[in-house]
Amino acid sequence: MKVILLENLRKIGSIGDVIDVKRGFARNYLIANKKALHASKENIQEVEKIKIQLGKKDQEKMKEAKKIFEKINKKQFTIKKLSTENNELYGSVKPTEISRIISENENLEIKPSMMQLSKEIKSLGDFKVKIDLHSQVQAVIDIKVIAEEITQ
C-alpha cells in the first residue's frame, strides 16, 4: 500500500515521501497515528502544498526533543524491586515503570513506546535504555535496579 509520510520517521522516510508499506502497518499505525496519508493524487498535491508547514512542525518537535535530551541524557534513575537471593527479580522492569520514574523525578512525559530496551531487565544491576525522542534525537539513560527486600 502506498502512503505519503507526514512526519520524519527513522528507518522509514521523511516528510512528503511516498513509500510502499504493508497494508496493516499503514492502516493500524501510520494512518491511525496521523503519521501518513493514503497516496492518492489529491493527497499528494495537498501534501506538496503543506510540506513547508509540516517541516516547521517537525523542527519544533525536534527543538522540544533536544530540550528533553539535555535534561535526561546520561542520567541515572534507580528502581527498587523485590528480588531473590541470586539477584533475580520477581517479574521484570517494564518501559511503563521506567516512564513513571522519569515522570516523578524529572516532570517529563515520556511514552513507554519511545523506549528501547536492549534486553529485558530481569535482574539487579545497571542497564542502558535508549529513548527515541525524535527521528533524529536519541537519549540514553542508565537504570540502576536495586533490591527492595530479599526474600527466600
N, C-alpha and C. Protein backbone atom coordinates (compact mmCIF):
# COMPACT_ATOMS: atom_id res chain seq x y z
N MET A 1 0.84 -1.18 0.00
CA MET A 1 0.00 0.00 0.00
C MET A 1 0.89 1.24 0.00
N LYS A 2 0.59 2.18 -0.85
CA LYS A 2 1.39 3.40 -0.94
C LYS A 2 0.80 4.47 -0.03
N VAL A 3 1.70 5.12 0.76
CA VAL A 3 1.29 6.20 1.65
C VAL A 3 2.27 7.36 1.52
N ILE A 4 1.81 8.54 1.95
CA ILE A 4 2.65 9.74 1.96
C ILE A 4 2.94 10.05 3.42
N LEU A 5 4.21 10.20 3.76
CA LEU A 5 4.58 10.48 5.15
C LEU A 5 4.33 11.93 5.52
N LEU A 6 3.76 12.14 6.70
CA LEU A 6 3.53 13.48 7.23
C LEU A 6 4.54 13.84 8.31
N GLU A 7 5.42 12.90 8.66
CA GLU A 7 6.46 13.11 9.67
C GLU A 7 7.73 12.45 9.20
N ASN A 8 8.85 12.89 9.77
CA ASN A 8 10.11 12.19 9.55
C ASN A 8 10.12 10.98 10.47
N LEU A 9 10.26 9.81 9.89
CA LEU A 9 10.30 8.58 10.68
C LEU A 9 11.61 7.86 10.40
N ARG A 10 12.34 7.58 11.48
CA ARG A 10 13.64 6.94 11.33
C ARG A 10 13.47 5.57 10.71
N LYS A 11 14.32 5.22 9.79
CA LYS A 11 14.35 3.95 9.06
C LYS A 11 13.17 3.78 8.10
N ILE A 12 12.30 4.80 7.98
CA ILE A 12 11.14 4.67 7.08
C ILE A 12 11.20 5.72 5.98
N GLY A 13 11.35 7.00 6.36
CA GLY A 13 11.42 8.05 5.36
C GLY A 13 11.19 9.41 5.97
N SER A 14 11.15 10.44 5.12
CA SER A 14 10.96 11.80 5.62
C SER A 14 9.67 12.41 5.06
N ILE A 15 9.33 13.59 5.53
CA ILE A 15 8.08 14.26 5.17
C ILE A 15 7.91 14.34 3.65
N GLY A 16 6.73 13.95 3.18
CA GLY A 16 6.41 14.05 1.77
C GLY A 16 6.81 12.85 0.94
N ASP A 17 7.57 11.93 1.51
CA ASP A 17 7.98 10.74 0.77
C ASP A 17 6.77 9.84 0.52
N VAL A 18 6.70 9.29 -0.68
CA VAL A 18 5.67 8.30 -1.00
C VAL A 18 6.36 6.95 -0.89
N ILE A 19 5.90 6.15 0.08
CA ILE A 19 6.55 4.86 0.32
C ILE A 19 5.53 3.73 0.21
N ASP A 20 6.05 2.55 -0.02
CA ASP A 20 5.20 1.36 -0.13
C ASP A 20 5.40 0.54 1.14
N VAL A 21 4.32 0.36 1.91
CA VAL A 21 4.40 -0.42 3.16
C VAL A 21 3.28 -1.46 3.17
N LYS A 22 3.37 -2.37 4.13
CA LYS A 22 2.32 -3.38 4.23
C LYS A 22 1.03 -2.73 4.69
N ARG A 23 -0.08 -3.27 4.22
CA ARG A 23 -1.41 -2.72 4.47
C ARG A 23 -1.70 -2.53 5.96
N GLY A 24 -1.39 -3.53 6.77
CA GLY A 24 -1.67 -3.47 8.21
C GLY A 24 -0.88 -2.38 8.89
N PHE A 25 0.41 -2.24 8.54
CA PHE A 25 1.26 -1.20 9.12
C PHE A 25 0.74 0.18 8.75
N ALA A 26 0.31 0.32 7.51
CA ALA A 26 -0.22 1.61 7.04
C ALA A 26 -1.51 1.96 7.80
N ARG A 27 -2.45 1.03 7.81
CA ARG A 27 -3.75 1.30 8.44
C ARG A 27 -3.66 1.41 9.95
N ASN A 28 -3.01 0.45 10.59
CA ASN A 28 -3.03 0.36 12.05
C ASN A 28 -2.06 1.30 12.75
N TYR A 29 -0.99 1.70 12.06
CA TYR A 29 -0.01 2.56 12.73
C TYR A 29 0.12 3.93 12.05
N LEU A 30 0.55 3.94 10.81
CA LEU A 30 0.85 5.21 10.15
C LEU A 30 -0.38 6.10 10.00
N ILE A 31 -1.45 5.59 9.43
CA ILE A 31 -2.65 6.41 9.20
C ILE A 31 -3.39 6.65 10.51
N ALA A 32 -3.48 5.63 11.37
CA ALA A 32 -4.19 5.76 12.65
C ALA A 32 -3.54 6.82 13.54
N ASN A 33 -2.20 6.94 13.51
CA ASN A 33 -1.49 7.92 14.34
C ASN A 33 -1.19 9.21 13.59
N LYS A 34 -1.85 9.41 12.45
CA LYS A 34 -1.69 10.62 11.62
C LYS A 34 -0.23 10.89 11.25
N LYS A 35 0.50 9.83 10.95
CA LYS A 35 1.88 9.95 10.51
C LYS A 35 1.97 9.85 8.99
N ALA A 36 0.84 9.43 8.36
CA ALA A 36 0.83 9.28 6.90
C ALA A 36 -0.61 9.37 6.38
N LEU A 37 -0.71 9.59 5.07
CA LEU A 37 -1.99 9.60 4.36
C LEU A 37 -1.93 8.59 3.23
N HIS A 38 -3.09 8.07 2.84
CA HIS A 38 -3.16 7.19 1.67
C HIS A 38 -2.68 7.99 0.45
N ALA A 39 -1.88 7.40 -0.40
CA ALA A 39 -1.25 8.11 -1.52
C ALA A 39 -2.17 8.21 -2.73
N SER A 40 -3.17 9.08 -2.66
CA SER A 40 -4.00 9.36 -3.84
C SER A 40 -3.44 10.62 -4.50
N LYS A 41 -3.86 10.90 -5.74
CA LYS A 41 -3.36 12.08 -6.44
C LYS A 41 -3.68 13.36 -5.67
N GLU A 42 -4.91 13.42 -5.11
CA GLU A 42 -5.32 14.62 -4.35
C GLU A 42 -4.45 14.81 -3.11
N ASN A 43 -4.21 13.70 -2.39
CA ASN A 43 -3.40 13.78 -1.17
C ASN A 43 -1.95 14.17 -1.48
N ILE A 44 -1.42 13.67 -2.58
CA ILE A 44 -0.04 14.01 -2.96
C ILE A 44 0.06 15.52 -3.23
N GLN A 45 -0.91 16.08 -3.96
CA GLN A 45 -0.92 17.51 -4.23
C GLN A 45 -1.08 18.31 -2.94
N GLU A 46 -1.95 17.84 -2.05
CA GLU A 46 -2.19 18.52 -0.77
C GLU A 46 -0.92 18.54 0.09
N VAL A 47 -0.23 17.42 0.15
CA VAL A 47 1.00 17.34 0.95
C VAL A 47 2.07 18.25 0.38
N GLU A 48 2.16 18.34 -0.94
CA GLU A 48 3.13 19.24 -1.56
C GLU A 48 2.88 20.68 -1.12
N LYS A 49 1.60 21.06 -1.02
CA LYS A 49 1.25 22.42 -0.60
C LYS A 49 1.62 22.68 0.86
N ILE A 50 1.40 21.69 1.71
CA ILE A 50 1.62 21.92 3.15
C ILE A 50 2.96 21.37 3.66
N LYS A 51 3.83 20.99 2.74
CA LYS A 51 5.12 20.41 3.11
C LYS A 51 5.95 21.37 3.97
N ILE A 52 5.91 22.66 3.67
CA ILE A 52 6.68 23.66 4.42
C ILE A 52 6.17 23.73 5.86
N GLN A 53 4.85 23.75 6.02
CA GLN A 53 4.26 23.79 7.37
C GLN A 53 4.63 22.54 8.15
N LEU A 54 4.58 21.38 7.49
CA LEU A 54 4.94 20.14 8.16
C LEU A 54 6.40 20.16 8.58
N GLY A 55 7.24 20.74 7.74
CA GLY A 55 8.67 20.87 8.06
C GLY A 55 8.88 21.73 9.29
N LYS A 56 8.12 22.84 9.40
CA LYS A 56 8.22 23.72 10.57
C LYS A 56 7.78 22.99 11.84
N LYS A 57 6.66 22.25 11.73
CA LYS A 57 6.18 21.48 12.89
C LYS A 57 7.24 20.48 13.33
N ASP A 58 7.87 19.84 12.34
CA ASP A 58 8.90 18.85 12.65
C ASP A 58 10.08 19.51 13.36
N GLN A 59 10.45 20.72 12.92
CA GLN A 59 11.55 21.44 13.57
C GLN A 59 11.20 21.78 15.02
N GLU A 60 9.94 22.17 15.26
CA GLU A 60 9.50 22.47 16.63
C GLU A 60 9.56 21.22 17.49
N LYS A 61 9.12 20.09 16.94
CA LYS A 61 9.18 18.84 17.68
C LYS A 61 10.62 18.48 18.00
N MET A 62 11.51 18.77 17.04
CA MET A 62 12.92 18.46 17.25
C MET A 62 13.52 19.34 18.35
N LYS A 63 13.13 20.63 18.40
CA LYS A 63 13.60 21.51 19.46
C LYS A 63 13.15 21.01 20.83
N GLU A 64 11.87 20.60 20.92
CA GLU A 64 11.34 20.04 22.18
C GLU A 64 12.13 18.79 22.57
N ALA A 65 12.38 17.94 21.58
CA ALA A 65 13.12 16.70 21.84
C ALA A 65 14.53 17.01 22.34
N LYS A 66 15.16 18.05 21.79
CA LYS A 66 16.51 18.41 22.23
C LYS A 66 16.51 18.94 23.66
N LYS A 67 15.45 19.68 24.04
CA LYS A 67 15.33 20.17 25.42
C LYS A 67 15.23 18.99 26.39
N ILE A 68 14.39 18.02 26.03
CA ILE A 68 14.25 16.83 26.87
C ILE A 68 15.56 16.05 26.91
N PHE A 69 16.22 15.96 25.76
CA PHE A 69 17.52 15.28 25.65
C PHE A 69 18.51 15.88 26.64
N GLU A 70 18.58 17.23 26.70
CA GLU A 70 19.51 17.91 27.60
C GLU A 70 19.23 17.55 29.06
N LYS A 71 17.94 17.37 29.40
CA LYS A 71 17.56 17.09 30.79
C LYS A 71 17.85 15.65 31.21
N ILE A 72 17.65 14.69 30.30
CA ILE A 72 17.73 13.29 30.75
C ILE A 72 18.90 12.48 30.20
N ASN A 73 19.58 12.94 29.19
CA ASN A 73 20.64 12.12 28.59
C ASN A 73 21.72 11.80 29.62
N LYS A 74 22.10 10.53 29.68
CA LYS A 74 23.15 10.01 30.56
C LYS A 74 22.84 10.15 32.04
N LYS A 75 21.57 10.41 32.39
CA LYS A 75 21.18 10.44 33.80
C LYS A 75 20.92 9.03 34.28
N GLN A 76 21.05 8.87 35.60
CA GLN A 76 20.78 7.55 36.17
C GLN A 76 19.51 7.61 37.02
N PHE A 77 18.65 6.63 36.82
CA PHE A 77 17.42 6.50 37.58
C PHE A 77 17.46 5.18 38.33
N THR A 78 17.00 5.19 39.58
CA THR A 78 17.05 4.00 40.40
C THR A 78 15.64 3.43 40.58
N ILE A 79 15.55 2.12 40.44
CA ILE A 79 14.28 1.42 40.62
C ILE A 79 14.50 0.34 41.67
N LYS A 80 13.62 0.31 42.67
CA LYS A 80 13.68 -0.73 43.70
C LYS A 80 12.68 -1.83 43.35
N LYS A 81 13.17 -3.05 43.35
CA LYS A 81 12.32 -4.20 43.03
C LYS A 81 12.60 -5.34 44.00
N LEU A 82 11.58 -6.17 44.22
CA LEU A 82 11.76 -7.38 45.02
C LEU A 82 12.65 -8.35 44.24
N SER A 83 13.58 -9.00 44.97
CA SER A 83 14.48 -9.92 44.27
C SER A 83 14.75 -11.15 45.12
N THR A 84 15.27 -12.17 44.47
CA THR A 84 15.66 -13.40 45.16
C THR A 84 17.08 -13.25 45.66
N GLU A 85 17.58 -14.28 46.36
CA GLU A 85 18.95 -14.20 46.88
C GLU A 85 20.01 -14.28 45.78
N ASN A 86 19.65 -14.81 44.60
CA ASN A 86 20.62 -14.80 43.49
C ASN A 86 20.37 -13.65 42.53
N ASN A 87 19.92 -12.53 43.05
CA ASN A 87 19.78 -11.26 42.33
C ASN A 87 18.85 -11.27 41.13
N GLU A 88 17.91 -12.19 41.09
CA GLU A 88 16.91 -12.20 40.03
C GLU A 88 15.66 -11.51 40.55
N LEU A 89 14.98 -10.82 39.66
CA LEU A 89 13.78 -10.08 40.05
C LEU A 89 12.54 -10.96 39.96
N TYR A 90 11.56 -10.64 40.80
CA TYR A 90 10.24 -11.24 40.64
C TYR A 90 9.55 -10.39 39.58
N GLY A 91 9.42 -10.90 38.38
CA GLY A 91 8.90 -10.10 37.28
C GLY A 91 10.06 -9.41 36.59
N SER A 92 9.77 -8.33 35.89
CA SER A 92 10.83 -7.58 35.20
C SER A 92 10.48 -6.10 35.23
N VAL A 93 11.45 -5.27 34.86
CA VAL A 93 11.23 -3.84 34.80
C VAL A 93 10.72 -3.52 33.40
N LYS A 94 9.53 -2.95 33.33
CA LYS A 94 8.87 -2.65 32.05
C LYS A 94 9.06 -1.18 31.69
N PRO A 95 8.93 -0.83 30.40
CA PRO A 95 9.02 0.56 29.98
C PRO A 95 8.03 1.48 30.69
N THR A 96 6.84 0.98 31.04
CA THR A 96 5.86 1.82 31.74
C THR A 96 6.39 2.24 33.11
N GLU A 97 7.10 1.33 33.76
CA GLU A 97 7.68 1.64 35.07
C GLU A 97 8.80 2.68 34.93
N ILE A 98 9.62 2.53 33.91
CA ILE A 98 10.70 3.48 33.66
C ILE A 98 10.10 4.85 33.34
N SER A 99 9.05 4.88 32.54
CA SER A 99 8.36 6.11 32.19
C SER A 99 7.83 6.82 33.44
N ARG A 100 7.25 6.05 34.36
CA ARG A 100 6.71 6.60 35.60
C ARG A 100 7.84 7.20 36.47
N ILE A 101 8.96 6.51 36.56
CA ILE A 101 10.11 7.00 37.35
C ILE A 101 10.62 8.32 36.78
N ILE A 102 10.75 8.41 35.45
CA ILE A 102 11.21 9.65 34.80
C ILE A 102 10.22 10.77 35.07
N SER A 103 8.93 10.45 34.97
CA SER A 103 7.89 11.44 35.21
C SER A 103 7.96 11.98 36.64
N GLU A 104 8.16 11.09 37.61
CA GLU A 104 8.24 11.50 39.01
C GLU A 104 9.49 12.33 39.29
N ASN A 105 10.62 11.93 38.73
CA ASN A 105 11.89 12.60 39.04
C ASN A 105 12.14 13.87 38.24
N GLU A 106 11.74 13.88 36.97
CA GLU A 106 12.08 14.98 36.07
C GLU A 106 10.88 15.80 35.60
N ASN A 107 9.66 15.39 35.95
CA ASN A 107 8.44 16.07 35.47
C ASN A 107 8.36 16.10 33.95
N LEU A 108 8.79 15.02 33.31
CA LEU A 108 8.75 14.91 31.85
C LEU A 108 7.86 13.74 31.48
N GLU A 109 7.05 13.93 30.45
CA GLU A 109 6.16 12.88 29.99
C GLU A 109 6.83 12.14 28.84
N ILE A 110 7.30 10.93 29.10
CA ILE A 110 7.92 10.12 28.06
C ILE A 110 7.11 8.84 27.93
N LYS A 111 6.64 8.59 26.73
CA LYS A 111 5.79 7.42 26.48
C LYS A 111 6.62 6.14 26.52
N PRO A 112 6.06 5.08 27.09
CA PRO A 112 6.78 3.80 27.11
C PRO A 112 7.15 3.30 25.71
N SER A 113 6.36 3.65 24.71
CA SER A 113 6.64 3.20 23.34
C SER A 113 7.90 3.84 22.76
N MET A 114 8.40 4.91 23.38
CA MET A 114 9.60 5.58 22.89
C MET A 114 10.87 4.87 23.37
N MET A 115 10.73 3.96 24.31
CA MET A 115 11.89 3.30 24.92
C MET A 115 12.27 2.03 24.20
N GLN A 116 13.57 1.83 24.11
CA GLN A 116 14.09 0.61 23.50
C GLN A 116 15.02 -0.06 24.51
N LEU A 117 14.57 -1.16 25.08
CA LEU A 117 15.41 -1.92 25.99
C LEU A 117 16.26 -2.86 25.16
N SER A 118 17.58 -2.88 25.41
CA SER A 118 18.44 -3.79 24.64
C SER A 118 18.13 -5.24 24.99
N LYS A 119 17.76 -5.47 26.25
CA LYS A 119 17.28 -6.79 26.66
C LYS A 119 16.36 -6.58 27.86
N GLU A 120 15.57 -7.60 28.18
CA GLU A 120 14.65 -7.48 29.30
C GLU A 120 15.43 -7.31 30.60
N ILE A 121 14.92 -6.45 31.47
CA ILE A 121 15.58 -6.22 32.76
C ILE A 121 14.94 -7.16 33.76
N LYS A 122 15.66 -8.27 34.06
CA LYS A 122 15.13 -9.29 34.96
C LYS A 122 16.04 -9.56 36.15
N SER A 123 17.07 -8.74 36.34
CA SER A 123 17.97 -8.95 37.47
C SER A 123 18.43 -7.60 38.02
N LEU A 124 19.09 -7.66 39.17
CA LEU A 124 19.63 -6.43 39.75
C LEU A 124 20.84 -5.99 38.93
N GLY A 125 21.13 -4.68 38.94
CA GLY A 125 22.30 -4.19 38.22
C GLY A 125 22.02 -2.91 37.46
N ASP A 126 22.97 -2.55 36.60
CA ASP A 126 22.86 -1.35 35.79
C ASP A 126 22.52 -1.72 34.34
N PHE A 127 21.60 -0.95 33.76
CA PHE A 127 21.17 -1.21 32.38
C PHE A 127 21.06 0.11 31.63
N LYS A 128 21.34 0.07 30.33
CA LYS A 128 21.19 1.25 29.48
C LYS A 128 19.88 1.13 28.71
N VAL A 129 19.16 2.26 28.61
CA VAL A 129 17.89 2.28 27.89
C VAL A 129 17.94 3.44 26.89
N LYS A 130 17.67 3.14 25.61
CA LYS A 130 17.61 4.19 24.58
C LYS A 130 16.19 4.73 24.54
N ILE A 131 16.09 6.05 24.37
CA ILE A 131 14.78 6.68 24.26
C ILE A 131 14.75 7.48 22.96
N ASP A 132 13.80 7.14 22.08
CA ASP A 132 13.63 7.86 20.82
C ASP A 132 12.76 9.09 21.06
N LEU A 133 13.38 10.26 21.15
CA LEU A 133 12.65 11.50 21.40
C LEU A 133 12.15 12.10 20.09
N HIS A 134 12.86 11.83 19.01
CA HIS A 134 12.55 12.35 17.67
C HIS A 134 13.29 11.45 16.70
N SER A 135 12.94 11.52 15.43
CA SER A 135 13.62 10.65 14.47
C SER A 135 15.12 10.90 14.40
N GLN A 136 15.57 12.11 14.85
CA GLN A 136 16.99 12.42 14.81
C GLN A 136 17.59 12.66 16.20
N VAL A 137 16.80 12.47 17.26
CA VAL A 137 17.30 12.71 18.62
C VAL A 137 17.03 11.48 19.47
N GLN A 138 18.12 10.88 19.98
CA GLN A 138 18.02 9.71 20.83
C GLN A 138 18.79 9.94 22.11
N ALA A 139 18.13 9.74 23.25
CA ALA A 139 18.81 9.87 24.54
C ALA A 139 19.10 8.47 25.08
N VAL A 140 20.11 8.38 25.93
CA VAL A 140 20.43 7.12 26.59
C VAL A 140 20.44 7.39 28.09
N ILE A 141 19.67 6.60 28.84
CA ILE A 141 19.66 6.75 30.30
C ILE A 141 20.15 5.47 30.94
N ASP A 142 20.61 5.59 32.18
CA ASP A 142 21.03 4.42 32.94
C ASP A 142 19.95 4.08 33.95
N ILE A 143 19.60 2.82 34.03
CA ILE A 143 18.63 2.34 35.01
C ILE A 143 19.39 1.45 35.98
N LYS A 144 19.37 1.82 37.26
CA LYS A 144 20.01 1.01 38.29
C LYS A 144 18.91 0.31 39.07
N VAL A 145 18.91 -1.01 39.01
CA VAL A 145 17.90 -1.78 39.71
C VAL A 145 18.53 -2.30 41.01
N ILE A 146 17.92 -1.91 42.13
CA ILE A 146 18.43 -2.33 43.43
C ILE A 146 17.38 -3.15 44.16
N ALA A 147 17.83 -3.92 45.12
CA ALA A 147 16.92 -4.80 45.87
C ALA A 147 16.10 -3.99 46.85
N GLU A 148 14.79 -4.22 46.82
CA GLU A 148 13.93 -3.58 47.79
C GLU A 148 13.93 -4.40 49.07
N GLU A 149 13.93 -5.69 48.87
CA GLU A 149 13.89 -6.59 50.02
C GLU A 149 14.21 -7.98 49.50
N ILE A 150 15.05 -8.69 50.21
CA ILE A 150 15.44 -10.02 49.74
C ILE A 150 14.56 -11.06 50.42
N THR A 151 13.95 -11.92 49.62
CA THR A 151 13.10 -12.97 50.16
C THR A 151 13.72 -14.32 49.84
N GLN A 152 13.34 -15.32 50.56
CA GLN A 152 13.95 -16.64 50.38
C GLN A 152 13.01 -17.62 49.74
